[in-house]
C-alpha atoms as a PDB file:
ATOM      1  CA  UNK A   1       0.000   0.000   0.000  1.00  0.00           C
ATOM      2  CA  UNK A   2       1.267   3.479  -0.796  1.00  0.00           C
ATOM      3  CA  UNK A   3       0.058   6.818   0.491  1.00  0.00           C
ATOM      4  CA  UNK A   4       0.229  10.178  -1.237  1.00  0.00           C
ATOM      5  CA  UNK A   5      -0.563  13.361   0.639  1.00  0.00           C
ATOM      6  CA  UNK A   6      -2.011  16.588  -0.787  1.00  0.00           C
ATOM      7  CA  UNK A   7      -2.352  19.864   1.108  1.00  0.00           C
ATOM      8  CA  UNK A   8      -5.928  21.169   0.914  1.00  0.00           C
ATOM      9  CA  UNK A   9      -6.183  24.918   0.400  1.00  0.00           C
ATOM     10  CA  UNK A  10      -9.970  24.955  -0.052  1.00  0.00           C
ATOM     11  CA  UNK A  11     -12.142  22.905   2.321  1.00  0.00           C
ATOM     12  CA  UNK A  12     -14.882  22.813  -0.331  1.00  0.00           C
ATOM     13  CA  UNK A  13     -12.872  20.081  -2.065  1.00  0.00           C
ATOM     14  CA  UNK A  14     -13.424  17.700   0.879  1.00  0.00           C
ATOM     15  CA  UNK A  15     -16.413  15.467   1.340  1.00  0.00           C
ATOM     16  CA  UNK A  16     -17.675  12.749   3.684  1.00  0.00           C
ATOM     17  CA  UNK A  17     -15.463   9.687   3.578  1.00  0.00           C
ATOM     18  CA  UNK A  18     -12.255  11.499   2.623  1.00  0.00           C
ATOM     19  CA  UNK A  19      -9.295  10.513   4.777  1.00  0.00           C
ATOM     20  CA  UNK A  20      -7.479  13.560   6.123  1.00  0.00           C
ATOM     21  CA  UNK A  21      -4.685  14.569   8.430  1.00  0.00           C
ATOM     22  CA  UNK A  22      -4.726  17.806  10.441  1.00  0.00           C
ATOM     23  CA  UNK A  23      -1.363  19.343  11.256  1.00  0.00           C
ATOM     24  CA  UNK A  24      -0.351  22.263  13.393  1.00  0.00           C
ATOM     25  CA  UNK A  25       3.254  23.448  13.579  1.00  0.00           C
ATOM     26  CA  UNK A  26       4.079  20.418  11.366  1.00  0.00           C
ATOM     27  CA  UNK A  27       2.820  17.962  14.028  1.00  0.00           C
ATOM     28  CA  UNK A  28      -0.069  15.640  13.207  1.00  0.00           C
ATOM     29  CA  UNK A  29      -2.890  16.347  15.672  1.00  0.00           C
ATOM     30  CA  UNK A  30      -5.691  14.312  14.068  1.00  0.00           C
ATOM     31  CA  UNK A  31      -6.070  11.700  11.345  1.00  0.00           C
ATOM     32  CA  UNK A  32      -9.366  10.200  10.231  1.00  0.00           C
ATOM     33  CA  UNK A  33     -12.350  10.317   7.908  1.00  0.00           C
ATOM     34  CA  UNK A  34     -14.428  13.391   7.166  1.00  0.00           C
ATOM     35  CA  UNK A  35     -17.982  13.060   8.497  1.00  0.00           C
ATOM     36  CA  UNK A  36     -19.404  16.495   7.629  1.00  0.00           C
ATOM     37  CA  UNK A  37     -18.297  19.795   6.138  1.00  0.00           C
ATOM     38  CA  UNK A  38     -19.220  23.452   6.539  1.00  0.00           C
ATOM     39  CA  UNK A  39     -16.815  25.122   4.101  1.00  0.00           C
ATOM     40  CA  UNK A  40     -18.625  28.460   4.320  1.00  0.00           C
ATOM     41  CA  UNK A  41     -17.556  28.509   7.985  1.00  0.00           C
ATOM     42  CA  UNK A  42     -14.109  27.057   7.271  1.00  0.00           C
ATOM     43  CA  UNK A  43     -14.626  23.828   9.209  1.00  0.00           C
ATOM     44  CA  UNK A  44     -14.874  20.079   8.728  1.00  0.00           C
ATOM     45  CA  UNK A  45     -15.747  17.362  11.239  1.00  0.00           C
ATOM     46  CA  UNK A  46     -13.536  14.299  11.365  1.00  0.00           C
ATOM     47  CA  UNK A  47     -13.761  11.027  13.286  1.00  0.00           C
ATOM     48  CA  UNK A  48     -10.246  10.702  14.722  1.00  0.00           C
ATOM     49  CA  UNK A  49      -8.726   7.242  14.162  1.00  0.00           C
ATOM     50  CA  UNK A  50      -6.667   7.305  17.373  1.00  0.00           C
ATOM     51  CA  UNK A  51      -9.417   8.249  19.843  1.00  0.00           C
ATOM     52  CA  UNK A  52     -12.682   7.566  18.018  1.00  0.00           C
ATOM     53  CA  UNK A  53     -13.786  11.096  18.948  1.00  0.00           C
ATOM     54  CA  UNK A  54     -15.440  13.473  16.531  1.00  0.00           C
ATOM     55  CA  UNK A  55     -13.368  16.642  16.179  1.00  0.00           C
ATOM     56  CA  UNK A  56     -14.007  19.941  14.439  1.00  0.00           C
ATOM     57  CA  UNK A  57     -11.094  21.167  12.347  1.00  0.00           C
ATOM     58  CA  UNK A  58     -10.917  24.845  11.512  1.00  0.00           C
ATOM     59  CA  UNK A  59      -8.985  25.736   8.367  1.00  0.00           C
ATOM     60  CA  UNK A  60      -7.456  28.789  10.069  1.00  0.00           C
ATOM     61  CA  UNK A  61      -5.988  26.664  12.867  1.00  0.00           C
ATOM     62  CA  UNK A  62      -4.904  23.478  11.090  1.00  0.00           C
ATOM     63  CA  UNK A  63      -3.230  22.689   7.793  1.00  0.00           C
ATOM     64  CA  UNK A  64      -5.417  19.942   6.332  1.00  0.00           C
ATOM     65  CA  UNK A  65      -4.022  17.231   4.075  1.00  0.00           C
ATOM     66  CA  UNK A  66      -5.999  14.596   2.199  1.00  0.00           C
ATOM     67  CA  UNK A  67      -4.504  11.110   2.176  1.00  0.00           C
ATOM     68  CA  UNK A  68      -4.790   9.088  -1.037  1.00  0.00           C
ATOM     69  CA  UNK A  69      -4.341   5.399  -0.354  1.00  0.00           C
ATOM     70  CA  UNK A  70      -3.318   3.102  -3.212  1.00  0.00           C
ATOM     71  CA  UNK A  71      -3.258  -0.669  -2.915  1.00  0.00           C
ATOM     72  CA  UNK A  72      -0.843  -2.484  -5.184  1.00  0.00           C
ATOM     73  CA  UNK A  73      -1.408  -5.886  -6.768  1.00  0.00           C
ATOM     74  CA  UNK A  74       0.725  -8.750  -5.512  1.00  0.00           C
ATOM     75  CA  UNK A  75       1.484 -11.905  -7.454  1.00  0.00           C
END
């Protein structure tokens, strides 16, 4: 499995089910799947993989990255 990471400048590009990582000062604070978005308010809600808690990420506080997972074929 390989992972590519893309920085999200516009939260409107995210939708439910996207896997994201939220970083602050280059440290990962949260990683999980998007549950809901409110791009007009600059926020998304994510279910954090580590804690199972639902967290609100504000685009002005966190740098948000979308994770693209690719599964390779094995012989």
